[in-house]
Amino acid sequence: MKYFIAMACTLIACITIYANHKEKHNPVPDNVKKFYFFLGNWKGKASMTANGQTQSFDYLMDFKTDADGWGILYHEKGLIPGAAPYIGFGMLGFDTNDNTVHIFTVSNYGDVHDHKGSWIDDKNFALVYNGTSDGKALKEELSVQYVDATTFKFTDVVTIGGEVAQTLNAEMHKSSTK
């Protein structure tokens, strides 16, 4: 019986708090709002070097807000010649507790990475993911630059065992807003 009384009191307290709550729980900080730049659809060209070969290909991305404006969700597709399309999704966020930028990615190529970094200034941020690949240390360094209102660039460098395994550079152009 005590359990049911405690549960009922908890439920009443939660309903009262929710009913009296007229504002957002936490205002979205400026370091999150900087990501709003990405909202919409983007198309671009990417250049990837791996195994001594360089390929250029089309790259597509779309971004939208989630979590009441605190996060950005995205989907991406790289149309790599002679390979299965790279298909991924992820989330961009900012941790106000330690002032870190996060990009969490998952792809059909087996990537599951939480990149962590920081804003360098209002138009640039850089992140790093440290993991392993076949028992060797893997480090992925990602840098993003807002070029102008409709263009951004990113560079992604992957090293495995201290050797550069892959570089990817892309220039993206906004094709529509959402």
Protein backbone atom coordinates (compact mmCIF):
# COMPACT_ATOMS: atom_id res chain seq x y z
CA MET A 1 0.00 0.00 0.00
CA LYS A 2 2.86 2.39 0.84
CA TYR A 3 4.22 1.75 -2.68
CA PHE A 4 0.95 2.85 -4.31
CA ILE A 5 0.72 5.98 -2.15
CA ALA A 6 4.31 6.91 -3.02
CA MET A 7 3.63 6.33 -6.73
CA ALA A 8 0.44 8.41 -6.60
CA CYS A 9 2.24 11.29 -4.88
CA THR A 10 5.05 11.15 -7.43
CA LEU A 11 2.55 11.16 -10.33
CA ILE A 12 0.65 14.12 -8.86
CA ALA A 13 3.90 16.05 -8.35
CA CYS A 14 5.01 15.40 -11.94
CA ILE A 15 1.63 16.42 -13.38
CA THR A 16 1.63 19.60 -11.29
CA ILE A 17 5.16 20.52 -12.40
CA TYR A 18 4.31 19.82 -16.06
CA ALA A 19 1.02 21.77 -15.90
CA ASN A 20 2.71 24.81 -14.35
CA HIS A 21 5.69 24.73 -16.71
CA LYS A 22 5.07 27.38 -19.40
CA GLU A 23 8.63 27.76 -20.75
CA LYS A 24 11.22 25.48 -22.22
CA HIS A 25 13.13 23.55 -19.59
CA ASN A 26 16.45 25.10 -20.61
CA PRO A 27 17.02 27.80 -23.18
CA VAL A 28 19.13 26.61 -26.12
CA PRO A 29 22.68 27.97 -25.69
CA ASP A 30 24.45 29.93 -28.43
CA ASN A 31 26.99 27.11 -28.95
CA VAL A 32 24.07 24.89 -30.02
CA LYS A 33 22.40 27.60 -32.12
CA LYS A 34 25.59 27.85 -34.19
CA PHE A 35 24.66 24.42 -35.59
CA TYR A 36 21.42 25.86 -37.01
CA PHE A 37 23.59 27.00 -39.92
CA PHE A 38 23.36 23.39 -41.20
CA LEU A 39 19.55 23.16 -41.32
CA GLY A 40 18.29 22.05 -44.72
CA ASN A 41 19.62 20.03 -47.62
CA TRP A 42 23.18 20.16 -48.92
CA LYS A 43 24.95 18.87 -52.04
CA GLY A 44 28.64 18.88 -52.72
CA LYS A 45 31.73 17.26 -54.11
CA ALA A 46 34.07 15.19 -52.00
CA SER A 47 37.58 14.00 -52.67
CA MET A 48 38.85 10.93 -50.84
CA THR A 49 42.36 9.49 -50.83
CA ALA A 50 42.87 5.95 -49.55
CA ASN A 51 45.36 3.23 -50.50
CA GLY A 52 47.19 5.69 -52.75
CA GLN A 53 44.09 6.33 -54.88
CA THR A 54 42.09 9.57 -55.03
CA GLN A 55 38.45 9.63 -56.05
CA SER A 56 35.96 12.47 -56.40
CA PHE A 57 32.27 11.89 -55.83
CA ASP A 58 28.94 13.52 -54.98
CA TYR A 59 28.08 13.97 -51.31
CA LEU A 60 24.57 14.69 -49.99
CA MET A 61 23.47 15.73 -46.50
CA ASP A 62 20.26 16.87 -44.81
CA PHE A 63 19.94 18.37 -41.33
CA LYS A 64 17.03 19.11 -38.98
CA THR A 65 16.64 20.05 -35.32
CA ASP A 66 15.49 17.70 -32.59
CA ALA A 67 15.31 17.58 -28.77
CA ASP A 68 13.50 20.92 -28.63
CA GLY A 69 16.30 22.61 -30.57
CA TRP A 70 19.17 21.21 -28.49
CA GLY A 71 20.38 18.81 -31.17
CA ILE A 72 20.75 18.45 -34.90
CA LEU A 73 20.00 15.17 -36.67
CA TYR A 74 21.48 14.47 -40.08
CA HIS A 75 21.61 11.92 -42.86
CA GLU A 76 24.48 11.69 -45.32
CA LYS A 77 25.26 9.80 -48.51
CA GLY A 78 28.53 9.55 -50.40
CA LEU A 79 28.22 8.19 -53.95
CA ILE A 80 31.69 6.62 -54.15
CA PRO A 81 32.57 5.24 -57.61
CA GLY A 82 33.13 1.50 -57.65
CA ALA A 83 31.87 1.05 -54.07
CA ALA A 84 28.62 0.77 -52.18
CA PRO A 85 27.21 4.21 -51.36
CA TYR A 86 28.32 5.46 -47.95
CA ILE A 87 25.09 5.95 -45.97
CA GLY A 88 25.19 7.41 -42.51
CA PHE A 89 23.26 9.29 -39.89
CA GLY A 90 24.26 11.21 -36.87
CA MET A 91 23.67 13.84 -34.25
CA LEU A 92 25.38 17.12 -33.50
CA GLY A 93 25.24 18.49 -29.99
CA PHE A 94 27.00 20.64 -27.45
CA ASP A 95 27.64 19.56 -23.87
CA THR A 96 27.32 22.64 -21.66
CA ASN A 97 28.88 20.77 -18.72
CA ASP A 98 32.33 20.58 -20.28
CA ASN A 99 31.89 22.89 -23.32
CA THR A 100 32.46 20.14 -25.88
CA VAL A 101 31.03 19.70 -29.34
CA HIS A 102 29.90 16.16 -30.16
CA ILE A 103 29.13 14.46 -33.44
CA PHE A 104 27.92 10.90 -33.07
CA THR A 105 27.91 8.90 -36.33
CA VAL A 106 26.71 5.50 -37.50
CA SER A 107 27.13 4.23 -41.06
CA ASN A 108 26.65 1.23 -43.30
CA TYR A 109 30.47 1.01 -43.44
CA GLY A 110 30.52 -0.02 -39.76
CA ASP A 111 31.40 3.38 -38.28
CA VAL A 112 30.06 4.00 -34.77
CA HIS A 113 31.98 7.03 -33.52
CA ASP A 114 31.52 9.76 -30.92
CA HIS A 115 33.69 12.63 -32.08
CA LYS A 116 34.47 15.21 -29.38
CA GLY A 117 35.94 18.66 -29.80
CA SER A 118 35.31 22.35 -29.51
CA TRP A 119 34.40 25.53 -31.31
CA ILE A 120 37.55 27.29 -32.49
CA ASP A 121 35.59 30.44 -33.34
CA ASP A 122 32.06 31.23 -34.60
CA LYS A 123 32.70 29.57 -37.98
CA ASN A 124 35.06 26.68 -37.21
CA PHE A 125 35.02 23.64 -34.99
CA ALA A 126 37.29 20.61 -34.74
CA LEU A 127 36.71 17.15 -33.29
CA VAL A 128 38.60 13.92 -32.67
CA TYR A 129 37.54 10.30 -32.34
CA ASN A 130 40.00 7.77 -30.85
CA GLY A 131 39.32 4.07 -31.28
CA THR A 132 40.83 0.92 -32.72
CA SER A 133 40.89 -0.85 -36.08
CA ASP A 134 42.13 -4.43 -36.30
CA GLY A 135 43.85 -4.00 -32.93
CA LYS A 136 45.66 -0.80 -33.97
CA ALA A 137 45.06 2.70 -32.67
CA LEU A 138 42.67 4.65 -34.90
CA LYS A 139 42.40 8.43 -34.76
CA GLU A 140 39.90 10.43 -36.80
CA GLU A 141 40.29 14.21 -36.92
CA LEU A 142 37.37 16.18 -38.32
CA SER A 143 37.38 19.92 -38.95
CA VAL A 144 34.44 21.98 -40.21
CA GLN A 145 34.44 25.52 -41.58
CA TYR A 146 31.45 27.73 -42.42
CA VAL A 147 32.59 29.52 -45.58
CA ASP A 148 29.54 31.70 -46.21
CA ALA A 149 25.76 31.53 -45.73
CA THR A 150 25.38 28.70 -48.26
CA THR A 151 28.73 26.88 -48.14
CA PHE A 152 30.67 24.80 -45.65
CA LYS A 153 33.79 22.66 -45.96
CA PHE A 154 34.96 19.71 -43.95
CA THR A 155 38.14 17.68 -43.75
CA ASP A 156 38.36 14.23 -42.22
CA VAL A 157 41.73 12.53 -41.68
CA VAL A 158 41.93 8.95 -40.41
CA THR A 159 45.19 7.49 -39.11
CA ILE A 160 45.62 3.84 -38.17
CA GLY A 161 48.69 2.80 -36.22
CA GLY A 162 50.10 6.31 -36.70
CA GLU A 163 49.89 6.14 -40.52
CA VAL A 164 47.41 8.20 -42.58
CA ALA A 165 44.89 5.69 -43.96
CA GLN A 166 42.33 8.04 -45.50
CA THR A 167 41.65 11.71 -46.10
CA LEU A 168 38.32 13.16 -47.14
CA ASN A 169 37.71 16.77 -48.16
CA ALA A 170 34.31 18.11 -49.14
CA GLU A 171 32.75 21.43 -50.06
CA MET A 172 29.00 21.49 -49.49
CA HIS A 173 26.43 23.94 -50.89
CA LYS A 174 22.96 24.51 -49.50
CA SER A 175 20.31 23.29 -51.92
CA SER A 176 17.24 24.08 -49.77
CA THR A 177 16.16 24.93 -46.25
CA LYS A 178 13.69 23.02 -44.15
